[in-house]
Amino acid sequence: MTTKHDIRARVHEIVADQAMIDTTDVSDASVPADLGVDSMGLVEAIFAIEEAFDIQVPFNANEPAKSDFDVSSVGAIVEAVTRLVCEQRGVTDPS
């Protein structure tokens, strides 16, 4: 079963992979662009997140500000993924 801790760890790994940095350099407060993740890297991270968690992410790369999927920080991404995982399972808590 996937817990919020598991979700956080996997999202941090995915962002670190896209930024080509160590996972320890990623925190919930990190902004993807500040880590070196450009718009293409962000799209690739979204695809990796969809695959890792078997979810559909409502993200429009052409208009990210209009998306229901907040990518303003790694923590926001973790929260959004957690919400989508819970919705998919029909639960309120992923643990």
PDB file of N, CA and C in Angstrom:
ATOM      1  N   MET A   1       0.842  -1.182   0.000  1.00  0.00           N
ATOM      2  CA  MET A   1       0.000   0.000   0.000  1.00  0.00           C
ATOM      3  C   MET A   1       0.888   1.246   0.000  1.00  0.00           C
ATOM      4  N   THR A   2       0.475   2.257  -0.699  1.00  0.00           N
ATOM      5  CA  THR A   2       1.224   3.499  -0.812  1.00  0.00           C
ATOM      6  C   THR A   2       0.793   4.466   0.285  1.00  0.00           C
ATOM      7  N   THR A   3       1.749   4.908   1.095  1.00  0.00           N
ATOM      8  CA  THR A   3       1.466   5.890   2.134  1.00  0.00           C
ATOM      9  C   THR A   3       1.888   7.274   1.650  1.00  0.00           C
ATOM     10  N   LYS A   4       1.515   8.292   2.406  1.00  0.00           N
ATOM     11  CA  LYS A   4       1.927   9.648   2.039  1.00  0.00           C
ATOM     12  C   LYS A   4       3.453   9.756   2.041  1.00  0.00           C
ATOM     13  N   HIS A   5       4.089   9.060   2.971  1.00  0.00           N
ATOM     14  CA  HIS A   5       5.557   9.047   3.005  1.00  0.00           C
ATOM     15  C   HIS A   5       6.111   8.451   1.706  1.00  0.00           C
ATOM     16  N   ASP A   6       5.511   7.361   1.237  1.00  0.00           N
ATOM     17  CA  ASP A   6       5.941   6.729  -0.017  1.00  0.00           C
ATOM     18  C   ASP A   6       5.740   7.675  -1.200  1.00  0.00           C
ATOM     19  N   ILE A   7       4.597   8.364  -1.207  1.00  0.00           N
ATOM     20  CA  ILE A   7       4.309   9.307  -2.292  1.00  0.00           C
ATOM     21  C   ILE A   7       5.345  10.421  -2.295  1.00  0.00           C
ATOM     22  N   ARG A   8       5.607  10.999  -1.116  1.00  0.00           N
ATOM     23  CA  ARG A   8       6.589  12.079  -1.001  1.00  0.00           C
ATOM     24  C   ARG A   8       7.960  11.606  -1.498  1.00  0.00           C
ATOM     25  N   ALA A   9       8.390  10.451  -1.040  1.00  0.00           N
ATOM     26  CA  ALA A   9       9.709   9.944  -1.427  1.00  0.00           C
ATOM     27  C   ALA A   9       9.804   9.736  -2.936  1.00  0.00           C
ATOM     28  N   ARG A  10       8.765   9.171  -3.536  1.00  0.00           N
ATOM     29  CA  ARG A  10       8.802   8.901  -4.986  1.00  0.00           C
ATOM     30  C   ARG A  10       8.751  10.193  -5.786  1.00  0.00           C
ATOM     31  N   VAL A  11       7.926  11.162  -5.373  1.00  0.00           N
ATOM     32  CA  VAL A  11       7.880  12.452  -6.072  1.00  0.00           C
ATOM     33  C   VAL A  11       9.236  13.142  -5.968  1.00  0.00           C
ATOM     34  N   HIS A  12       9.854  13.113  -4.801  1.00  0.00           N
ATOM     35  CA  HIS A  12      11.186  13.708  -4.637  1.00  0.00           C
ATOM     36  C   HIS A  12      12.187  13.039  -5.581  1.00  0.00           C
ATOM     37  N   GLU A  13      12.114  11.707  -5.701  1.00  0.00           N
ATOM     38  CA  GLU A  13      13.010  10.981  -6.618  1.00  0.00           C
ATOM     39  C   GLU A  13      12.788  11.416  -8.063  1.00  0.00           C
ATOM     40  N   ILE A  14      11.541  11.522  -8.465  1.00  0.00           N
ATOM     41  CA  ILE A  14      11.216  11.895  -9.846  1.00  0.00           C
ATOM     42  C   ILE A  14      11.721  13.301 -10.148  1.00  0.00           C
ATOM     43  N   VAL A  15      11.487  14.237  -9.241  1.00  0.00           N
ATOM     44  CA  VAL A  15      11.957  15.610  -9.449  1.00  0.00           C
ATOM     45  C   VAL A  15      13.482  15.647  -9.473  1.00  0.00           C
ATOM     46  N   ALA A  16      14.115  14.920  -8.570  1.00  0.00           N
ATOM     47  CA  ALA A  16      15.582  14.876  -8.543  1.00  0.00           C
ATOM     48  C   ALA A  16      16.133  14.301  -9.844  1.00  0.00           C
ATOM     49  N   ASP A  17      15.497  13.262 -10.362  1.00  0.00           N
ATOM     50  CA  ASP A  17      15.932  12.681 -11.638  1.00  0.00           C
ATOM     51  C   ASP A  17      15.852  13.708 -12.756  1.00  0.00           C
ATOM     52  N   GLN A  18      14.767  14.465 -12.803  1.00  0.00           N
ATOM     53  CA  GLN A  18      14.608  15.473 -13.856  1.00  0.00           C
ATOM     54  C   GLN A  18      15.601  16.616 -13.697  1.00  0.00           C
ATOM     55  N   ALA A  19      15.931  16.952 -12.456  1.00  0.00           N
ATOM     56  CA  ALA A  19      16.883  18.037 -12.195  1.00  0.00           C
ATOM     57  C   ALA A  19      18.332  17.554 -12.256  1.00  0.00           C
ATOM     58  N   MET A  20      18.493  16.231 -12.331  1.00  0.00           N
ATOM     59  CA  MET A  20      19.819  15.607 -12.322  1.00  0.00           C
ATOM     60  C   MET A  20      20.614  16.019 -11.079  1.00  0.00           C
ATOM     61  N   ILE A  21      19.928  15.921  -9.932  1.00  0.00           N
ATOM     62  CA  ILE A  21      20.549  16.206  -8.646  1.00  0.00           C
ATOM     63  C   ILE A  21      20.246  15.057  -7.697  1.00  0.00           C
ATOM     64  N   ASP A  22      20.874  15.073  -6.547  1.00  0.00           N
ATOM     65  CA  ASP A  22      20.643  14.054  -5.538  1.00  0.00           C
ATOM     66  C   ASP A  22      19.291  14.290  -4.867  1.00  0.00           C
ATOM     67  N   THR A  23      18.624  13.221  -4.518  1.00  0.00           N
ATOM     68  CA  THR A  23      17.319  13.320  -3.868  1.00  0.00           C
ATOM     69  C   THR A  23      17.398  14.126  -2.575  1.00  0.00           C
ATOM     70  N   THR A  24      18.531  14.068  -1.889  1.00  0.00           N
ATOM     71  CA  THR A  24      18.673  14.811  -0.636  1.00  0.00           C
ATOM     72  C   THR A  24      18.658  16.321  -0.849  1.00  0.00           C
ATOM     73  N   ASP A  25      18.833  16.767  -2.090  1.00  0.00           N
ATOM     74  CA  ASP A  25      18.795  18.199  -2.396  1.00  0.00           C
ATOM     75  C   ASP A  25      17.380  18.700  -2.690  1.00  0.00           C
ATOM     76  N   VAL A  26      16.400  17.811  -2.613  1.00  0.00           N
ATOM     77  CA  VAL A  26      15.005  18.159  -2.895  1.00  0.00           C
ATOM     78  C   VAL A  26      14.228  18.174  -1.582  1.00  0.00           C
ATOM     79  N   SER A  27      13.478  19.248  -1.363  1.00  0.00           N
ATOM     80  CA  SER A  27      12.596  19.332  -0.194  1.00  0.00           C
ATOM     81  C   SER A  27      11.206  19.726  -0.669  1.00  0.00           C
ATOM     82  N   ASP A  28      10.239  19.641   0.226  1.00  0.00           N
ATOM     83  CA  ASP A  28       8.883  20.052  -0.139  1.00  0.00           C
ATOM     84  C   ASP A  28       8.837  21.532  -0.504  1.00  0.00           C
ATOM     85  N   ALA A  29       9.732  22.326   0.058  1.00  0.00           N
ATOM     86  CA  ALA A  29       9.753  23.767  -0.225  1.00  0.00           C
ATOM     87  C   ALA A  29      10.424  24.098  -1.557  1.00  0.00           C
ATOM     88  N   SER A  30      11.088  23.126  -2.155  1.00  0.00           N
ATOM     89  CA  SER A  30      11.798  23.363  -3.416  1.00  0.00           C
ATOM     90  C   SER A  30      10.838  23.733  -4.536  1.00  0.00           C
ATOM     91  N   VAL A  31      11.266  24.685  -5.357  1.00  0.00           N
ATOM     92  CA  VAL A  31      10.533  25.076  -6.562  1.00  0.00           C
ATOM     93  C   VAL A  31      11.207  24.359  -7.727  1.00  0.00           C
ATOM     94  N   PRO A  32      10.462  23.585  -8.516  1.00  0.00           N
ATOM     95  CA  PRO A  32      11.089  22.820  -9.596  1.00  0.00           C
ATOM     96  C   PRO A  32      12.032  23.647 -10.479  1.00  0.00           C
ATOM     97  N   ALA A  33      11.627  24.837 -10.878  1.00  0.00           N
ATOM     98  CA  ALA A  33      12.478  25.670 -11.742  1.00  0.00           C
ATOM     99  C   ALA A  33      13.785  26.039 -11.047  1.00  0.00           C
ATOM    100  N   ASP A  34      13.731  26.278  -9.736  1.00  0.00           N
ATOM    101  CA  ASP A  34      14.943  26.616  -8.983  1.00  0.00           C
ATOM    102  C   ASP A  34      15.907  25.437  -8.900  1.00  0.00           C
ATOM    103  N   LEU A  35      15.371  24.223  -9.056  1.00  0.00           N
ATOM    104  CA  LEU A  35      16.210  23.020  -9.047  1.00  0.00           C
ATOM    105  C   LEU A  35      16.784  22.721 -10.429  1.00  0.00           C
ATOM    106  N   GLY A  36      16.334  23.470 -11.426  1.00  0.00           N
ATOM    107  CA  GLY A  36      16.809  23.254 -12.789  1.00  0.00           C
ATOM    108  C   GLY A  36      15.853  22.466 -13.662  1.00  0.00           C
ATOM    109  N   VAL A  37      14.624  22.271 -13.189  1.00  0.00           N
ATOM    110  CA  VAL A  37      13.626  21.551 -13.979  1.00  0.00           C
ATOM    111  C   VAL A  37      12.926  22.565 -14.883  1.00  0.00           C
ATOM    112  N   ASP A  38      13.172  22.454 -16.188  1.00  0.00           N
ATOM    113  CA  ASP A  38      12.529  23.363 -17.142  1.00  0.00           C
ATOM    114  C   ASP A  38      11.144  22.829 -17.511  1.00  0.00           C
ATOM    115  N   SER A  39      10.459  23.518 -18.418  1.00  0.00           N
ATOM    116  CA  SER A  39       9.087  23.124 -18.759  1.00  0.00           C
ATOM    117  C   SER A  39       9.021  21.716 -19.344  1.00  0.00           C
ATOM    118  N   MET A  40      10.000  21.350 -20.172  1.00  0.00           N
ATOM    119  CA  MET A  40      10.016  19.990 -20.728  1.00  0.00           C
ATOM    120  C   MET A  40      10.275  18.964 -19.623  1.00  0.00           C
ATOM    121  N   GLY A  41      11.172  19.283 -18.717  1.00  0.00           N
ATOM    122  CA  GLY A  41      11.439  18.400 -17.586  1.00  0.00           C
ATOM    123  C   GLY A  41      10.222  18.235 -16.701  1.00  0.00           C
ATOM    124  N   LEU A  42       9.454  19.309 -16.551  1.00  0.00           N
ATOM    125  CA  LEU A  42       8.237  19.238 -15.755  1.00  0.00           C
ATOM    126  C   LEU A  42       7.219  18.307 -16.405  1.00  0.00           C
ATOM    127  N   VAL A  43       7.086  18.402 -17.719  1.00  0.00           N
ATOM    128  CA  VAL A  43       6.181  17.499 -18.441  1.00  0.00           C
ATOM    129  C   VAL A  43       6.648  16.054 -18.279  1.00  0.00           C
ATOM    130  N   GLU A  44       7.943  15.813 -18.393  1.00  0.00           N
ATOM    131  CA  GLU A  44       8.473  14.461 -18.213  1.00  0.00           C
ATOM    132  C   GLU A  44       8.238  13.972 -16.790  1.00  0.00           C
ATOM    133  N   ALA A  45       8.365  14.869 -15.812  1.00  0.00           N
ATOM    134  CA  ALA A  45       8.098  14.493 -14.422  1.00  0.00           C
ATOM    135  C   ALA A  45       6.631  14.116 -14.241  1.00  0.00           C
ATOM    136  N   ILE A  46       5.736  14.868 -14.875  1.00  0.00           N
ATOM    137  CA  ILE A  46       4.304  14.558 -14.797  1.00  0.00           C
ATOM    138  C   ILE A  46       4.030  13.174 -15.384  1.00  0.00           C
ATOM    139  N   PHE A  47       4.637  12.874 -16.530  1.00  0.00           N
ATOM    140  CA  PHE A  47       4.470  11.540 -17.127  1.00  0.00           C
ATOM    141  C   PHE A  47       4.991  10.457 -16.184  1.00  0.00           C
ATOM    142  N   ALA A  48       6.145  10.701 -15.564  1.00  0.00           N
ATOM    143  CA  ALA A  48       6.723   9.728 -14.636  1.00  0.00           C
ATOM    144  C   ALA A  48       5.821   9.536 -13.420  1.00  0.00           C
ATOM    145  N   ILE A  49       5.221  10.620 -12.932  1.00  0.00           N
ATOM    146  CA  ILE A  49       4.297  10.537 -11.799  1.00  0.00           C
ATOM    147  C   ILE A  49       3.064   9.728 -12.185  1.00  0.00           C
ATOM    148  N   GLU A  50       2.522   9.981 -13.368  1.00  0.00           N
ATOM    149  CA  GLU A  50       1.357   9.212 -13.827  1.00  0.00           C
ATOM    150  C   GLU A  50       1.680   7.728 -13.878  1.00  0.00           C
ATOM    151  N   GLU A  51       2.847   7.405 -14.386  1.00  0.00           N
ATOM    152  CA  GLU A  51       3.242   5.999 -14.492  1.00  0.00           C
ATOM    153  C   GLU A  51       3.504   5.388 -13.116  1.00  0.00           C
ATOM    154  N   ALA A  52       4.195   6.117 -12.252  1.00  0.00           N
ATOM    155  CA  ALA A  52       4.559   5.591 -10.936  1.00  0.00           C
ATOM    156  C   ALA A  52       3.340   5.306 -10.065  1.00  0.00           C
ATOM    157  N   PHE A  53       2.316   6.152 -10.172  1.00  0.00           N
ATOM    158  CA  PHE A  53       1.155   6.022  -9.299  1.00  0.00           C
ATOM    159  C   PHE A  53      -0.102   5.555 -10.017  1.00  0.00           C
ATOM    160  N   ASP A  54       0.008   5.280 -11.310  1.00  0.00           N
ATOM    161  CA  ASP A  54      -1.128   4.828 -12.116  1.00  0.00           C
ATOM    162  C   ASP A  54      -2.319   5.784 -11.965  1.00  0.00           C
ATOM    163  N   ILE A  55      -2.032   7.081 -12.189  1.00  0.00           N
ATOM    164  CA  ILE A  55      -3.056   8.121 -12.102  1.00  0.00           C
ATOM    165  C   ILE A  55      -3.029   8.968 -13.366  1.00  0.00           C
ATOM    166  N   GLN A  56      -4.092   9.729 -13.569  1.00  0.00           N
ATOM    167  CA  GLN A  56      -4.158  10.715 -14.647  1.00  0.00           C
ATOM    168  C   GLN A  56      -4.007  12.088 -14.007  1.00  0.00           C
ATOM    169  N   VAL A  57      -2.986  12.820 -14.413  1.00  0.00           N
ATOM    170  CA  VAL A  57      -2.731  14.144 -13.856  1.00  0.00           C
ATOM    171  C   VAL A  57      -3.378  15.197 -14.752  1.00  0.00           C
ATOM    172  N   PRO A  58      -4.271  16.024 -14.185  1.00  0.00           N
ATOM    173  CA  PRO A  58      -4.927  17.071 -14.972  1.00  0.00           C
ATOM    174  C   PRO A  58      -4.010  18.277 -15.148  1.00  0.00           C
ATOM    175  N   PHE A  59      -3.058  18.160 -16.052  1.00  0.00           N
ATOM    176  CA  PHE A  59      -2.053  19.207 -16.239  1.00  0.00           C
ATOM    177  C   PHE A  59      -1.962  19.560 -17.708  1.00  0.00           C
ATOM    178  N   ASN A  60      -2.071  20.839 -18.011  1.00  0.00           N
ATOM    179  CA  ASN A  60      -1.927  21.323 -19.376  1.00  0.00           C
ATOM    180  C   ASN A  60      -0.605  22.070 -19.457  1.00  0.00           C
ATOM    181  N   ALA A  61       0.360  21.493 -20.140  1.00  0.00           N
ATOM    182  CA  ALA A  61       1.691  22.096 -20.230  1.00  0.00           C
ATOM    183  C   ALA A  61       1.667  23.455 -20.911  1.00  0.00           C
ATOM    184  N   ASN A  62       0.677  23.682 -21.761  1.00  0.00           N
ATOM    185  CA  ASN A  62       0.572  24.970 -22.443  1.00  0.00           C
ATOM    186  C   ASN A  62       0.054  26.071 -21.527  1.00  0.00           C
ATOM    187  N   GLU A  63      -0.715  25.680 -20.513  1.00  0.00           N
ATOM    188  CA  GLU A  63      -1.271  26.646 -19.570  1.00  0.00           C
ATOM    189  C   GLU A  63      -1.186  26.099 -18.143  1.00  0.00           C
ATOM    190  N   PRO A  64       0.030  25.933 -17.611  1.00  0.00           N
ATOM    191  CA  PRO A  64       0.168  25.328 -16.282  1.00  0.00           C
ATOM    192  C   PRO A  64      -0.539  26.106 -15.173  1.00  0.00           C
ATOM    193  N   ALA A  65      -0.657  27.419 -15.305  1.00  0.00           N
ATOM    194  CA  ALA A  65      -1.316  28.221 -14.274  1.00  0.00           C
ATOM    195  C   ALA A  65      -2.813  27.942 -14.198  1.00  0.00           C
ATOM    196  N   LYS A  66      -3.393  27.438 -15.279  1.00  0.00           N
ATOM    197  CA  LYS A  66      -4.828  27.145 -15.311  1.00  0.00           C
ATOM    198  C   LYS A  66      -5.132  25.696 -14.935  1.00  0.00           C
ATOM    199  N   SER A  67      -4.120  24.962 -14.546  1.00  0.00           N
ATOM    200  CA  SER A  67      -4.274  23.552 -14.224  1.00  0.00           C
ATOM    201  C   SER A  67      -4.794  23.371 -12.803  1.00  0.00           C
ATOM    202  N   ASP A  68      -5.495  22.268 -12.568  1.00  0.00           N
ATOM    203  CA  ASP A  68      -5.907  21.894 -11.216  1.00  0.00           C
ATOM    204  C   ASP A  68      -4.777  21.188 -10.476  1.00  0.00           C
ATOM    205  N   PHE A  69      -3.644  21.040 -11.131  1.00  0.00           N
ATOM    206  CA  PHE A  69      -2.498  20.335 -10.561  1.00  0.00           C
ATOM    207  C   PHE A  69      -1.420  21.368 -10.262  1.00  0.00           C
ATOM    208  N   ASP A  70      -1.227  21.680  -8.985  1.00  0.00           N
ATOM    209  CA  ASP A  70      -0.306  22.727  -8.544  1.00  0.00           C
ATOM    210  C   ASP A  70       1.141  22.239  -8.630  1.00  0.00           C
ATOM    211  N   VAL A  71       1.949  22.922  -9.436  1.00  0.00           N
ATOM    212  CA  VAL A  71       3.362  22.562  -9.589  1.00  0.00           C
ATOM    213  C   VAL A  71       4.270  23.678  -9.070  1.00  0.00           C
ATOM    214  N   SER A  72       3.745  24.525  -8.177  1.00  0.00           N
ATOM    215  CA  SER A  72       4.512  25.666  -7.684  1.00  0.00           C
ATOM    216  C   SER A  72       5.661  25.264  -6.771  1.00  0.00           C
ATOM    217  N   SER A  73       5.548  24.103  -6.141  1.00  0.00           N
ATOM    218  CA  SER A  73       6.619  23.585  -5.287  1.00  0.00           C
ATOM    219  C   SER A  73       6.528  22.064  -5.277  1.00  0.00           C
ATOM    220  N   VAL A  74       7.590  21.434  -4.811  1.00  0.00           N
ATOM    221  CA  VAL A  74       7.580  19.972  -4.722  1.00  0.00           C
ATOM    222  C   VAL A  74       6.507  19.528  -3.725  1.00  0.00           C
ATOM    223  N   GLY A  75       6.359  20.263  -2.631  1.00  0.00           N
ATOM    224  CA  GLY A  75       5.329  19.933  -1.649  1.00  0.00           C
ATOM    225  C   GLY A  75       3.928  20.015  -2.229  1.00  0.00           C
ATOM    226  N   ALA A  76       3.693  21.015  -3.078  1.00  0.00           N
ATOM    227  CA  ALA A  76       2.388  21.145  -3.735  1.00  0.00           C
ATOM    228  C   ALA A  76       2.139  19.961  -4.661  1.00  0.00           C
ATOM    229  N   ILE A  77       3.188  19.512  -5.337  1.00  0.00           N
ATOM    230  CA  ILE A  77       3.065  18.338  -6.208  1.00  0.00           C
ATOM    231  C   ILE A  77       2.738  17.107  -5.370  1.00  0.00           C
ATOM    232  N   VAL A  78       3.424  16.946  -4.234  1.00  0.00           N
ATOM    233  CA  VAL A  78       3.159  15.814  -3.337  1.00  0.00           C
ATOM    234  C   VAL A  78       1.697  15.832  -2.896  1.00  0.00           C
ATOM    235  N   GLU A  79       1.193  16.999  -2.495  1.00  0.00           N
ATOM    236  CA  GLU A  79      -0.201  17.111  -2.053  1.00  0.00           C
ATOM    237  C   GLU A  79      -1.170  16.770  -3.183  1.00  0.00           C
ATOM    238  N   ALA A  80      -0.883  17.261  -4.382  1.00  0.00           N
ATOM    239  CA  ALA A  80      -1.756  16.993  -5.527  1.00  0.00           C
ATOM    240  C   ALA A  80      -1.759  15.507  -5.881  1.00  0.00           C
ATOM    241  N   VAL A  81      -0.592  14.882  -5.861  1.00  0.00           N
ATOM    242  CA  VAL A  81      -0.504  13.445  -6.154  1.00  0.00           C
ATOM    243  C   VAL A  81      -1.248  12.656  -5.077  1.00  0.00           C
ATOM    244  N   THR A  82      -1.065  13.037  -3.822  1.00  0.00           N
ATOM    245  CA  THR A  82      -1.757  12.358  -2.723  1.00  0.00           C
ATOM    246  C   THR A  82      -3.267  12.438  -2.919  1.00  0.00           C
ATOM    247  N   ARG A  83      -3.767  13.617  -3.277  1.00  0.00           N
ATOM    248  CA  ARG A  83      -5.205  13.799  -3.515  1.00  0.00           C
ATOM    249  C   ARG A  83      -5.686  12.891  -4.647  1.00  0.00           C
ATOM    250  N   LEU A  84      -4.920  12.840  -5.750  1.00  0.00           N
ATOM    251  CA  LEU A  84      -5.314  12.011  -6.895  1.00  0.00           C
ATOM    252  C   LEU A  84      -5.287  10.525  -6.554  1.00  0.00           C
ATOM    253  N   VAL A  85      -4.284  10.099  -5.790  1.00  0.00           N
ATOM    254  CA  VAL A  85      -4.203   8.695  -5.374  1.00  0.00           C
ATOM    255  C   VAL A  85      -5.408   8.355  -4.496  1.00  0.00           C
ATOM    256  N   CYS A  86      -5.746   9.246  -3.569  1.00  0.00           N
ATOM    257  CA  CYS A  86      -6.907   9.019  -2.697  1.00  0.00           C
ATOM    258  C   CYS A  86      -8.202   8.968  -3.499  1.00  0.00           C
ATOM    259  N   GLU A  87      -8.360   9.889  -4.446  1.00  0.00           N
ATOM    260  CA  GLU A  87      -9.563   9.896  -5.291  1.00  0.00           C
ATOM    261  C   GLU A  87      -9.686   8.593  -6.066  1.00  0.00           C
ATOM    262  N   GLN A  88      -8.569   8.112  -6.578  1.00  0.00           N
ATOM    263  CA  GLN A  88      -8.588   6.874  -7.353  1.00  0.00           C
ATOM    264  C   GLN A  88      -9.017   5.697  -6.482  1.00  0.00           C
ATOM    265  N   ARG A  89      -8.571   5.691  -5.231  1.00  0.00           N
ATOM    266  CA  ARG A  89      -8.893   4.596  -4.316  1.00  0.00           C
ATOM    267  C   ARG A  89     -10.224   4.779  -3.599  1.00  0.00           C
ATOM    268  N   GLY A  90     -10.777   5.988  -3.671  1.00  0.00           N
ATOM    269  CA  GLY A  90     -12.013   6.258  -2.951  1.00  0.00           C
ATOM    270  C   GLY A  90     -11.809   6.350  -1.452  1.00  0.00           C
ATOM    271  N   VAL A  91     -10.647   6.871  -1.039  1.00  0.00           N
ATOM    272  CA  VAL A  91     -10.330   7.033   0.380  1.00  0.00           C
ATOM    273  C   VAL A  91      -9.950   8.487   0.645  1.00  0.00           C
ATOM    274  N   THR A  92      -9.852   8.836   1.929  1.00  0.00           N
ATOM    275  CA  THR A  92      -9.452  10.196   2.282  1.00  0.00           C
ATOM    276  C   THR A  92      -8.001  10.280   2.714  1.00  0.00           C
ATOM    277  N   ASP A  93      -7.394   9.134   3.027  1.00  0.00           N
ATOM    278  CA  ASP A  93      -6.004   9.089   3.482  1.00  0.00           C
ATOM    279  C   ASP A  93      -5.322   7.937   2.753  1.00  0.00           C
ATOM    280  N   PRO A  94      -4.136   8.187   2.159  1.00  0.00           N
ATOM    281  CA  PRO A  94      -3.500   7.127   1.375  1.00  0.00           C
ATOM    282  C   PRO A  94      -2.942   5.977   2.196  1.00  0.00           C
ATOM    283  N   SER A  95      -2.819   6.136   3.525  1.00  0.00           N
ATOM    284  CA  SER A  95      -2.208   5.063   4.317  1.00  0.00           C
ATOM    285  C   SER A  95      -3.188   4.002   4.722  1.00  0.00           C
TER     286      SER A  95
END
